[in-house]
Protein backbone atom coordinates (compact mmCIF):
# COMPACT_ATOMS: atom_id res chain seq x y z
CA MET A 1 125.93 185.47 93.22
CA GLN A 2 129.42 184.43 94.23
CA THR A 3 129.99 184.08 97.95
CA PRO A 4 133.25 185.27 99.56
CA GLY A 5 135.93 182.59 99.44
CA SER A 6 134.17 180.55 96.75
CA PRO A 7 136.26 179.38 93.78
CA ALA A 8 136.23 181.29 90.52
CA VAL A 9 135.41 178.02 88.75
CA ARG A 10 133.66 174.98 90.16
CA VAL A 11 132.83 171.96 87.98
CA ARG A 12 131.33 168.68 89.14
CA GLY A 13 130.51 165.67 86.97
CA LEU A 14 130.75 167.56 83.66
CA ARG A 15 129.72 165.52 80.63
CA LYS A 16 129.49 166.33 76.94
CA ARG A 17 128.60 163.72 74.32
CA TYR A 18 128.80 163.86 70.55
CA GLY A 19 127.20 161.60 67.98
CA ASN A 20 123.74 160.09 67.57
CA SER A 21 121.81 156.92 68.29
CA ARG A 22 122.54 155.59 64.83
CA ALA A 23 126.30 156.03 64.78
CA GLY A 24 126.76 155.86 68.52
CA PHE A 25 127.74 158.42 71.14
CA LYS A 26 131.20 159.40 72.34
CA ASP A 27 131.97 161.21 75.59
CA ALA A 28 134.23 164.17 74.84
CA VAL A 29 134.05 165.03 78.54
CA ALA A 30 133.29 162.14 80.89
CA GLY A 31 132.44 163.24 84.44
CA LEU A 32 135.15 165.86 84.86
CA ASP A 33 135.64 167.72 88.17
CA LEU A 34 137.56 171.00 88.36
CA ASP A 35 138.16 173.85 90.80
CA VAL A 36 140.04 177.09 90.14
CA ALA A 37 140.62 179.39 93.11
CA ARG A 38 140.43 183.15 92.73
CA GLY A 39 143.80 184.63 91.76
CA GLU A 40 145.16 181.24 90.69
CA ILE A 41 146.75 180.28 87.36
CA VAL A 42 145.73 176.76 86.36
CA ALA A 43 147.11 175.05 83.25
CA VAL A 44 145.06 172.29 81.65
CA LEU A 45 147.20 169.80 79.74
CA GLY A 46 146.21 166.85 77.61
CA PRO A 47 146.60 165.31 74.16
CA ASN A 48 144.46 166.33 71.21
CA GLY A 49 140.93 165.03 71.69
CA ALA A 50 141.24 164.85 75.47
CA GLY A 51 138.30 167.23 76.01
CA LYS A 52 140.24 170.39 76.99
CA THR A 53 138.74 172.76 74.43
CA THR A 54 135.21 171.41 74.91
CA THR A 55 135.51 171.92 78.66
CA VAL A 56 136.80 175.48 78.28
CA GLU A 57 134.07 176.38 75.77
CA ILE A 58 131.43 175.16 78.24
CA LEU A 59 132.97 177.31 80.98
CA GLU A 60 132.98 180.30 78.63
CA GLY A 61 129.30 179.79 77.83
CA PHE A 62 129.93 179.06 74.14
CA ARG A 63 128.91 175.39 74.29
CA ASP A 64 126.17 173.63 76.24
CA ARG A 65 126.74 170.58 78.43
CA ASP A 66 124.79 167.33 78.70
CA ASP A 67 125.20 166.85 82.42
CA GLY A 68 126.99 168.16 85.49
CA GLU A 69 127.27 171.29 87.61
CA VAL A 70 129.20 174.32 86.31
CA VAL A 71 129.60 177.56 88.27
CA VAL A 72 131.84 180.33 86.90
CA LEU A 73 132.17 183.56 88.90
CA GLY A 74 129.07 182.53 90.83
CA GLU A 75 126.85 181.85 87.81
CA ASP A 76 125.92 179.06 85.42
CA PRO A 77 127.47 180.09 82.08
CA ARG A 78 124.50 178.86 80.04
CA GLN A 79 122.17 181.18 81.95
CA ALA A 80 124.52 184.11 82.60
CA GLY A 81 123.90 187.47 80.97
CA ARG A 82 125.88 190.37 79.57
CA ALA A 83 127.10 191.62 82.96
CA TRP A 84 128.69 188.23 83.65
CA ARG A 85 130.30 188.13 80.21
CA ALA A 86 131.93 191.52 80.86
CA ARG A 87 133.75 189.91 83.82
CA ILE A 88 135.53 187.27 81.72
CA GLY A 89 138.18 187.52 79.01
CA VAL A 90 138.59 184.95 76.26
CA VAL A 91 141.55 184.27 73.99
CA MET A 92 140.44 181.55 71.60
CA GLN A 93 142.79 179.20 69.81
CA GLU A 94 141.92 180.75 66.46
CA SER A 95 140.19 184.09 65.91
CA GLY A 96 140.04 184.20 62.12
CA ASP A 97 139.35 187.96 62.21
CA MET A 98 140.78 189.58 59.06
CA SER A 99 139.15 192.95 59.63
CA GLU A 100 140.00 196.16 57.74
CA LEU A 101 140.29 197.88 61.13
CA THR A 102 143.71 198.85 62.41
CA VAL A 103 145.09 197.30 65.58
CA ALA A 104 144.37 200.46 67.57
CA GLU A 105 140.83 200.74 66.20
CA LYS A 106 140.05 197.12 67.03
CA VAL A 107 141.33 197.38 70.61
CA ARG A 108 139.52 200.69 71.19
CA SER A 109 136.23 199.37 69.80
CA THR A 110 136.47 196.24 71.98
CA ALA A 111 137.31 198.32 75.07
CA ALA A 112 134.11 200.32 74.56
CA TYR A 113 132.02 197.25 75.46
CA TYR A 114 133.43 197.08 79.00
CA PRO A 115 132.57 199.28 81.98
CA ASP A 116 136.12 199.38 83.38
CA ALA A 117 138.38 198.75 80.42
CA ARG A 118 142.15 199.17 80.42
CA ASP A 119 143.73 201.96 78.42
CA PRO A 120 143.92 200.60 74.83
CA ALA A 121 147.36 202.10 74.17
CA GLU A 122 148.77 200.48 77.33
CA VAL A 123 147.31 197.11 76.33
CA ILE A 124 148.77 197.37 72.83
CA ALA A 125 152.16 198.16 74.35
CA ALA A 126 151.86 195.27 76.81
CA VAL A 127 151.51 192.74 73.98
CA GLY A 128 154.30 194.31 71.94
CA LEU A 129 152.23 195.78 69.11
CA THR A 130 152.89 199.52 69.49
CA GLU A 131 154.74 199.65 66.18
CA LYS A 132 151.77 197.92 64.52
CA ALA A 133 149.05 200.08 66.10
CA ARG A 134 148.19 201.73 62.78
CA SER A 135 148.48 198.54 60.73
CA ARG A 136 145.37 196.83 59.43
CA MET A 137 144.56 193.51 60.99
CA ARG A 138 144.55 191.65 57.67
CA GLY A 139 148.24 192.56 57.24
CA LEU A 140 149.45 191.09 60.53
CA SER A 141 151.58 187.97 60.72
CA GLY A 142 150.31 184.94 62.58
CA GLY A 143 152.28 185.80 65.72
CA GLN A 144 151.15 189.43 65.61
CA GLN A 145 147.53 188.36 65.20
CA ARG A 146 147.95 186.13 68.24
CA ARG A 147 149.25 189.05 70.28
CA LEU A 148 146.24 191.08 69.20
CA ASP A 149 143.96 188.23 70.32
CA VAL A 150 145.57 188.47 73.75
CA ALA A 151 145.11 192.25 73.80
CA LEU A 152 141.40 191.86 73.05
CA GLY A 153 141.10 189.25 75.79
CA ILE A 154 142.60 191.45 78.52
CA VAL A 155 141.43 194.96 77.55
CA GLY A 156 138.19 194.55 79.52
CA ARG A 157 140.11 193.98 82.77
CA PRO A 158 138.58 190.52 83.29
CA GLU A 159 138.27 188.84 86.67
CA LEU A 160 138.73 185.50 84.92
CA LEU A 161 140.81 185.06 81.77
CA PHE A 162 140.63 181.99 79.51
CA LEU A 163 143.78 181.46 77.43
CA ASP A 164 143.55 178.69 74.82
CA GLU A 165 147.03 178.00 73.37
CA PRO A 166 147.88 181.71 73.68
CA THR A 167 151.50 181.66 72.47
CA THR A 168 151.04 179.65 69.28
CA GLY A 169 153.09 181.46 66.63
CA PHE A 170 155.13 183.49 69.12
CA ASP A 171 158.90 183.63 68.78
CA PRO A 172 160.92 182.82 71.94
CA GLN A 173 161.33 186.47 72.94
CA ALA A 174 157.63 187.18 72.48
CA ARG A 175 156.73 184.11 74.55
CA ARG A 176 158.92 185.35 77.43
CA SER A 177 157.32 188.79 77.24
CA PHE A 178 153.89 187.19 77.28
CA TRP A 179 154.80 185.17 80.35
CA ASP A 180 155.74 188.40 82.12
CA LEU A 181 152.39 189.86 81.10
CA VAL A 182 150.47 186.89 82.50
CA THR A 183 152.43 187.02 85.75
CA GLY A 184 151.55 190.71 86.03
CA LEU A 185 147.87 189.98 85.47
CA ARG A 186 147.93 187.43 88.27
CA SER A 187 149.58 190.00 90.54
CA ASP A 188 146.64 192.30 89.77
CA GLY A 189 144.24 189.58 90.96
CA THR A 190 143.19 188.07 87.63
CA THR A 191 142.31 184.37 87.71
CA ILE A 192 143.65 182.53 84.65
CA LEU A 193 142.72 179.20 83.11
CA LEU A 194 145.32 178.25 80.52
CA THR A 195 145.42 175.43 77.98
CA THR A 196 148.78 174.87 76.33
CA HIS A 197 150.88 172.25 74.58
CA TYR A 198 154.07 173.87 75.84
CA LEU A 199 155.19 172.09 79.00
CA ASP A 200 157.76 174.79 79.81
CA GLU A 201 154.96 177.36 79.66
CA ALA A 202 152.87 175.41 82.16
CA ALA A 203 155.89 174.96 84.43
CA GLN A 204 156.71 178.68 84.26
CA LEU A 205 153.23 180.12 84.76
CA ALA A 206 150.94 177.69 86.53
CA ASP A 207 150.30 177.42 90.24
CA ARG A 208 148.62 174.11 89.49
CA VAL A 209 148.54 171.74 86.52
CA ILE A 210 145.59 169.53 85.60
CA VAL A 211 146.12 166.64 83.16
CA VAL A 212 143.08 165.52 81.17
CA ARG A 213 142.86 162.28 79.23
CA ASP A 214 139.74 160.83 77.56
CA GLY A 215 137.58 163.55 79.08
CA GLU A 216 138.66 162.90 82.67
CA VAL A 217 141.18 164.42 85.09
CA VAL A 218 143.95 161.87 85.61
CA ALA A 219 146.29 164.01 87.75
CA GLU A 220 146.60 167.47 89.25
CA GLY A 221 148.99 169.42 91.44
CA PRO A 222 151.78 172.02 91.36
CA PRO A 223 154.09 171.50 88.37
CA ASP A 224 157.01 170.31 90.50
CA THR A 225 154.93 167.70 92.37
CA LEU A 226 152.66 166.45 89.58
CA GLY A 227 152.32 162.69 89.58
CA GLY A 228 153.21 162.26 93.25
CA PRO A 229 156.56 161.95 95.05
CA GLY A 230 157.67 158.85 93.16
CA ALA A 231 157.28 160.51 89.77
CA ARG A 232 160.44 162.62 90.18
CA THR A 233 162.66 159.84 91.54
CA PRO A 234 166.07 160.02 89.78
CA VAL A 235 166.86 157.57 86.98
CA VAL A 236 170.31 156.05 86.43
CA ALA A 237 170.89 154.86 82.86
CA TRP A 238 173.81 153.03 81.24
CA ASP A 239 174.73 150.79 78.30
CA ASP A 240 175.25 147.09 78.96
CA GLY A 241 176.51 145.11 75.97
CA GLY A 242 174.47 147.16 73.51
CA VAL A 243 171.35 147.15 75.72
CA ARG A 244 170.17 150.34 77.44
CA ARG A 245 169.57 149.70 81.15
CA THR A 246 167.78 151.99 83.60
CA GLU A 247 167.18 151.99 87.33
CA GLN A 248 164.91 154.43 89.17
CA THR A 249 166.19 155.00 92.68
CA ASP A 250 166.28 157.39 95.62
CA ARG A 251 170.01 156.57 95.99
CA PRO A 252 171.56 157.28 92.58
CA THR A 253 175.06 157.74 94.02
CA ALA A 254 175.01 154.21 95.43
CA VAL A 255 173.89 152.79 92.09
CA VAL A 256 176.64 154.68 90.24
CA ALA A 257 179.24 153.43 92.75
CA ARG A 258 178.07 149.85 92.22
CA LEU A 259 178.28 150.20 88.45
CA ILE A 260 181.79 151.69 88.64
CA ALA A 261 182.94 148.91 90.93
CA ALA A 262 181.60 146.31 88.49
CA ALA A 263 183.09 148.03 85.43
CA GLY A 264 186.59 146.67 85.91
CA PRO A 265 189.99 148.32 86.30
CA ASP A 266 189.25 151.48 84.30
CA GLY A 267 185.95 152.10 86.13
CA GLU A 268 184.26 153.40 82.97
CA VAL A 269 180.52 152.80 82.61
CA PRO A 270 179.39 153.24 78.97
CA GLY A 271 176.57 155.74 78.46
CA LEU A 272 176.23 156.53 82.15
CA SER A 273 173.73 159.27 83.02
CA VAL A 274 171.72 160.37 86.03
CA SER A 275 168.60 162.44 85.49
CA ARG A 276 165.45 163.48 87.29
CA PRO A 277 162.19 163.14 85.31
CA THR A 278 160.97 166.49 83.98
CA LEU A 279 157.40 167.76 83.86
CA GLU A 280 157.30 166.53 80.26
CA ASP A 281 158.37 163.03 81.32
CA VAL A 282 155.71 162.91 84.01
CA TYR A 283 153.05 164.28 81.67
CA LEU A 284 153.83 161.74 78.94
CA SER A 285 153.66 158.90 81.44
CA LEU A 286 150.25 160.12 82.64
CA ILE A 287 148.77 160.23 79.14
CA GLY A 288 150.36 156.93 78.18
CA GLU A 289 153.04 158.10 75.76
CA ALA A 290 156.76 157.43 75.92
CA SER A 291 159.35 160.18 75.98
CA THR A 292 162.06 159.89 73.32
CA ASN A 293 165.58 161.20 73.13
CA ASP A 294 167.32 162.79 70.12
CA ASP A 295 168.00 159.38 68.59
CA GLY A 296 164.31 158.51 68.64
CA LYS A 297 164.90 155.81 71.26
CA GLU A 298 162.70 155.52 74.29
CA ALA A 299 164.18 157.53 77.15
CA ALA A 300 164.39 156.55 80.77
């Protein structure tokens, strides 16, 4: 049983290997540690193949682990029963459900499995599918199917909600509406573990961001402090005889003044810009990829 004040999710030394003795083994998850406090929204970021989905599937109880300690809502997912499963909500990356049921029928039938389900009509409205309530699932667009997936994940009023790339296929307006929905769920006390490729989504929703690379956590913290204090130090960039120069500094005004003074009588510095690294810049540096600008050139 979960003790008061204990985290919703606690993971220590999690490992999952794939392969065999003949072809060799590969660690999809290599000693990962993770904590998620109750009522917190945590976004897990990482490139494809980093181990995000494998980790989440282990936490959901859909995949077994090779080693490590995993406690979710006070129980080990591989031993937890039906009562535990009723306390979690899952929105998988792909559902593949092309049922003949209508949207309303599917949400109502799913709600019947839970002891304290939300009102199906309210859930359908919350994900923006009221006009499609009588439509059959097989006729929904990709974005509409994704909204239905979210509805099915939250109708049981979960204590802990797993969202795996939840806004794939959403248009910008639908994504904003979904963000409002998630914020409301958090206000109601729902703990949320989110995986996403959208950096703006993580910045908007997450209390804390965890970056995973090669099956390990390489950084974690609030979105605006990820990577440590030096990661957001301003960058001054300019063109020097056809070469792009950059200087990262806590005193950008002084650098700009020096460049202007050295520029000659007109004081013009070609290509001058001052910017602060974004969450995307920090993330790409942590996973070992370079950010590029619109010209395809490496950015500062």
